[in-house]
Amino acid sequence: MKISVELTLTPLKSSYIPAIKNFIQSIRSTGFIVIENPLSTQVYGKYDDVMSSLIPLIRSTFEEEEAVMLHLKLVKGDRSKYEPDF
């Protein structure tokens, strides 16, 4: 089963940019389809593969950062080619 995952990392400190860059770079290294925009990062692939790759990345980010939030949305199916029709 394929999934689409949207992630938004929010470090709760004034110097938040390095944590976000590190998180995005670690996601890029997974080899999945990754689409980035100013508000979030999307990852597309097979459910088991994506989730088993994201869990350690999230854990290490949480261990490195004192205070951080992660907004995570999961959608069944590969939405990487979605284009609005309106």
N, C-alpha and C. Protein backbone atom coordinates (compact mmCIF):
# COMPACT_ATOMS: atom_id res chain seq x y z
N MET A 1 0.84 -1.17 0.00
CA MET A 1 0.00 0.00 0.00
C MET A 1 0.89 1.24 0.00
N LYS A 2 0.56 2.19 -0.85
CA LYS A 2 1.31 3.44 -0.91
C LYS A 2 0.66 4.49 -0.03
N ILE A 3 1.52 5.40 0.49
CA ILE A 3 1.01 6.49 1.31
C ILE A 3 1.70 7.80 0.93
N SER A 4 1.06 8.87 1.35
CA SER A 4 1.60 10.22 1.25
C SER A 4 1.67 10.76 2.67
N VAL A 5 2.82 11.33 3.02
CA VAL A 5 3.02 11.84 4.38
C VAL A 5 3.44 13.31 4.28
N GLU A 6 2.77 14.15 5.05
CA GLU A 6 3.15 15.56 5.14
C GLU A 6 3.70 15.81 6.53
N LEU A 7 4.90 16.40 6.60
CA LEU A 7 5.55 16.66 7.88
C LEU A 7 5.87 18.15 8.00
N THR A 8 5.60 18.71 9.16
CA THR A 8 6.00 20.07 9.48
C THR A 8 6.67 20.05 10.84
N LEU A 9 7.96 20.31 10.86
CA LEU A 9 8.73 20.33 12.10
C LEU A 9 8.76 21.76 12.63
N THR A 10 8.47 21.92 13.92
CA THR A 10 8.46 23.23 14.56
C THR A 10 9.30 23.20 15.83
N PRO A 11 10.57 23.53 15.74
CA PRO A 11 11.38 23.64 16.95
C PRO A 11 10.90 24.85 17.77
N LEU A 12 10.80 24.68 19.06
CA LEU A 12 10.28 25.75 19.92
C LEU A 12 11.43 26.53 20.53
N LYS A 13 12.15 27.23 19.65
CA LYS A 13 13.27 28.07 20.08
C LYS A 13 13.52 29.11 18.99
N SER A 14 14.25 30.14 19.32
CA SER A 14 14.46 31.22 18.36
C SER A 14 15.38 30.83 17.20
N SER A 15 16.32 29.95 17.44
CA SER A 15 17.23 29.51 16.37
C SER A 15 16.73 28.17 15.80
N TYR A 16 15.63 28.23 15.10
CA TYR A 16 14.94 27.02 14.63
C TYR A 16 15.43 26.51 13.28
N ILE A 17 16.06 27.35 12.47
CA ILE A 17 16.41 26.98 11.10
C ILE A 17 17.36 25.79 11.02
N PRO A 18 18.44 25.72 11.80
CA PRO A 18 19.32 24.54 11.69
C PRO A 18 18.61 23.20 11.95
N ALA A 19 17.72 23.17 12.92
CA ALA A 19 17.00 21.92 13.22
C ALA A 19 16.12 21.51 12.05
N ILE A 20 15.45 22.47 11.44
CA ILE A 20 14.58 22.17 10.30
C ILE A 20 15.41 21.69 9.11
N LYS A 21 16.52 22.38 8.83
CA LYS A 21 17.38 21.96 7.72
C LYS A 21 17.91 20.54 7.93
N ASN A 22 18.36 20.24 9.13
CA ASN A 22 18.87 18.89 9.42
C ASN A 22 17.79 17.84 9.22
N PHE A 23 16.58 18.13 9.67
CA PHE A 23 15.47 17.20 9.54
C PHE A 23 15.15 16.95 8.06
N ILE A 24 15.06 18.02 7.29
CA ILE A 24 14.76 17.87 5.86
C ILE A 24 15.87 17.12 5.14
N GLN A 25 17.12 17.42 5.46
CA GLN A 25 18.24 16.71 4.82
C GLN A 25 18.21 15.21 5.15
N SER A 26 17.82 14.88 6.37
CA SER A 26 17.73 13.46 6.72
C SER A 26 16.60 12.78 5.96
N ILE A 27 15.50 13.49 5.73
CA ILE A 27 14.40 12.93 4.94
C ILE A 27 14.83 12.74 3.49
N ARG A 28 15.54 13.72 2.94
CA ARG A 28 16.03 13.60 1.56
C ARG A 28 16.90 12.36 1.36
N SER A 29 17.64 11.99 2.39
CA SER A 29 18.57 10.87 2.26
C SER A 29 17.88 9.50 2.25
N THR A 30 16.57 9.46 2.47
CA THR A 30 15.86 8.18 2.52
C THR A 30 15.65 7.55 1.15
N GLY A 31 15.71 8.35 0.08
CA GLY A 31 15.52 7.81 -1.26
C GLY A 31 14.08 7.80 -1.74
N PHE A 32 13.15 8.25 -0.91
CA PHE A 32 11.75 8.33 -1.32
C PHE A 32 11.53 9.57 -2.17
N ILE A 33 10.38 9.65 -2.81
CA ILE A 33 9.99 10.89 -3.47
C ILE A 33 9.74 11.90 -2.36
N VAL A 34 10.43 13.04 -2.41
CA VAL A 34 10.29 14.08 -1.40
C VAL A 34 9.99 15.38 -2.12
N ILE A 35 8.91 16.03 -1.72
CA ILE A 35 8.55 17.34 -2.27
C ILE A 35 8.49 18.32 -1.11
N GLU A 36 9.18 19.44 -1.29
CA GLU A 36 9.25 20.44 -0.22
C GLU A 36 8.57 21.72 -0.66
N ASN A 37 8.00 22.42 0.30
CA ASN A 37 7.50 23.77 0.08
C ASN A 37 7.80 24.57 1.34
N PRO A 38 7.51 25.86 1.37
CA PRO A 38 7.87 26.65 2.55
C PRO A 38 7.19 26.23 3.85
N LEU A 39 6.11 25.48 3.78
CA LEU A 39 5.36 25.13 4.98
C LEU A 39 5.51 23.69 5.43
N SER A 40 5.89 22.80 4.52
CA SER A 40 5.97 21.39 4.91
C SER A 40 6.83 20.61 3.92
N THR A 41 7.06 19.36 4.29
CA THR A 41 7.78 18.41 3.44
C THR A 41 6.88 17.20 3.25
N GLN A 42 6.74 16.76 2.01
CA GLN A 42 5.92 15.59 1.72
C GLN A 42 6.82 14.43 1.29
N VAL A 43 6.45 13.24 1.75
CA VAL A 43 7.19 12.02 1.44
C VAL A 43 6.19 11.01 0.87
N TYR A 44 6.59 10.32 -0.19
CA TYR A 44 5.70 9.38 -0.86
C TYR A 44 6.40 8.04 -1.04
N GLY A 45 5.67 6.96 -0.77
CA GLY A 45 6.24 5.64 -0.95
C GLY A 45 5.36 4.56 -0.34
N LYS A 46 5.92 3.36 -0.21
CA LYS A 46 5.19 2.25 0.39
C LYS A 46 5.11 2.45 1.89
N TYR A 47 3.95 2.14 2.46
CA TYR A 47 3.67 2.41 3.87
C TYR A 47 4.77 1.89 4.80
N ASP A 48 5.06 0.61 4.74
CA ASP A 48 6.03 0.01 5.67
C ASP A 48 7.42 0.64 5.51
N ASP A 49 7.82 0.91 4.27
CA ASP A 49 9.13 1.48 4.02
C ASP A 49 9.22 2.92 4.54
N VAL A 50 8.21 3.71 4.23
CA VAL A 50 8.22 5.11 4.66
C VAL A 50 8.19 5.21 6.18
N MET A 51 7.27 4.49 6.80
CA MET A 51 7.13 4.60 8.25
C MET A 51 8.37 4.07 8.98
N SER A 52 8.94 2.97 8.50
CA SER A 52 10.13 2.44 9.17
C SER A 52 11.33 3.35 8.98
N SER A 53 11.34 4.16 7.95
CA SER A 53 12.43 5.13 7.76
C SER A 53 12.20 6.41 8.56
N LEU A 54 10.95 6.84 8.68
CA LEU A 54 10.67 8.08 9.38
C LEU A 54 10.81 7.96 10.90
N ILE A 55 10.44 6.83 11.45
CA ILE A 55 10.46 6.67 12.92
C ILE A 55 11.83 6.97 13.52
N PRO A 56 12.93 6.41 13.01
CA PRO A 56 14.23 6.75 13.61
C PRO A 56 14.63 8.21 13.37
N LEU A 57 14.24 8.79 12.24
CA LEU A 57 14.55 10.20 11.98
C LEU A 57 13.83 11.11 12.97
N ILE A 58 12.58 10.80 13.21
CA ILE A 58 11.80 11.59 14.18
C ILE A 58 12.39 11.42 15.57
N ARG A 59 12.70 10.20 15.93
CA ARG A 59 13.27 9.94 17.26
C ARG A 59 14.57 10.71 17.47
N SER A 60 15.48 10.66 16.50
CA SER A 60 16.77 11.35 16.67
C SER A 60 16.57 12.86 16.74
N THR A 61 15.64 13.39 15.99
CA THR A 61 15.35 14.83 16.07
C THR A 61 14.80 15.18 17.44
N PHE A 62 13.91 14.36 17.96
CA PHE A 62 13.34 14.61 19.29
C PHE A 62 14.42 14.50 20.37
N GLU A 63 15.37 13.59 20.18
CA GLU A 63 16.45 13.46 21.16
C GLU A 63 17.42 14.65 21.10
N GLU A 64 17.62 15.21 19.92
CA GLU A 64 18.55 16.33 19.75
C GLU A 64 17.97 17.67 20.20
N GLU A 65 16.67 17.83 20.05
CA GLU A 65 16.03 19.11 20.34
C GLU A 65 15.37 19.09 21.71
N GLU A 66 15.51 20.19 22.45
CA GLU A 66 14.92 20.27 23.78
C GLU A 66 13.40 20.37 23.72
N ALA A 67 12.89 21.19 22.80
CA ALA A 67 11.45 21.37 22.66
C ALA A 67 11.12 21.47 21.17
N VAL A 68 10.27 20.58 20.69
CA VAL A 68 9.96 20.54 19.27
C VAL A 68 8.58 19.90 19.07
N MET A 69 7.88 20.37 18.05
CA MET A 69 6.60 19.77 17.64
C MET A 69 6.75 19.24 16.23
N LEU A 70 6.03 18.17 15.95
CA LEU A 70 5.99 17.64 14.60
C LEU A 70 4.53 17.42 14.24
N HIS A 71 4.11 18.09 13.18
CA HIS A 71 2.77 17.87 12.64
C HIS A 71 2.92 16.85 11.52
N LEU A 72 2.13 15.80 11.60
CA LEU A 72 2.26 14.69 10.66
C LEU A 72 0.87 14.34 10.12
N LYS A 73 0.76 14.31 8.80
CA LYS A 73 -0.49 13.90 8.16
C LYS A 73 -0.20 12.70 7.28
N LEU A 74 -1.04 11.71 7.36
CA LEU A 74 -0.90 10.50 6.54
C LEU A 74 -2.13 10.38 5.65
N VAL A 75 -1.88 10.12 4.38
CA VAL A 75 -2.98 9.90 3.43
C VAL A 75 -2.72 8.58 2.72
N LYS A 76 -3.73 7.75 2.65
CA LYS A 76 -3.58 6.50 1.90
C LYS A 76 -3.52 6.83 0.42
N GLY A 77 -2.52 6.30 -0.24
CA GLY A 77 -2.35 6.53 -1.67
C GLY A 77 -1.21 7.48 -1.97
N ASP A 78 -0.72 7.42 -3.19
CA ASP A 78 0.37 8.29 -3.64
C ASP A 78 -0.24 9.54 -4.27
N ARG A 79 -0.12 10.66 -3.58
CA ARG A 79 -0.68 11.93 -4.06
C ARG A 79 0.40 12.84 -4.64
N SER A 80 1.56 12.28 -4.99
CA SER A 80 2.68 13.09 -5.46
C SER A 80 2.41 13.79 -6.79
N LYS A 81 1.48 13.28 -7.55
CA LYS A 81 1.18 13.88 -8.85
C LYS A 81 -0.11 14.71 -8.82
N TYR A 82 -0.62 14.98 -7.63
CA TYR A 82 -1.87 15.72 -7.50
C TYR A 82 -1.75 17.12 -8.07
N GLU A 83 -2.74 17.49 -8.86
CA GLU A 83 -2.86 18.85 -9.36
C GLU A 83 -4.32 19.26 -9.22
N PRO A 84 -4.58 20.42 -8.64
CA PRO A 84 -5.98 20.87 -8.49
C PRO A 84 -6.65 21.00 -9.86
N ASP A 85 -7.92 20.71 -9.90
CA ASP A 85 -8.65 20.81 -11.16
C ASP A 85 -9.67 21.95 -11.11
N PHE A 86 -9.38 22.95 -10.32
CA PHE A 86 -10.29 24.10 -10.24
C PHE A 86 -9.54 25.40 -10.48
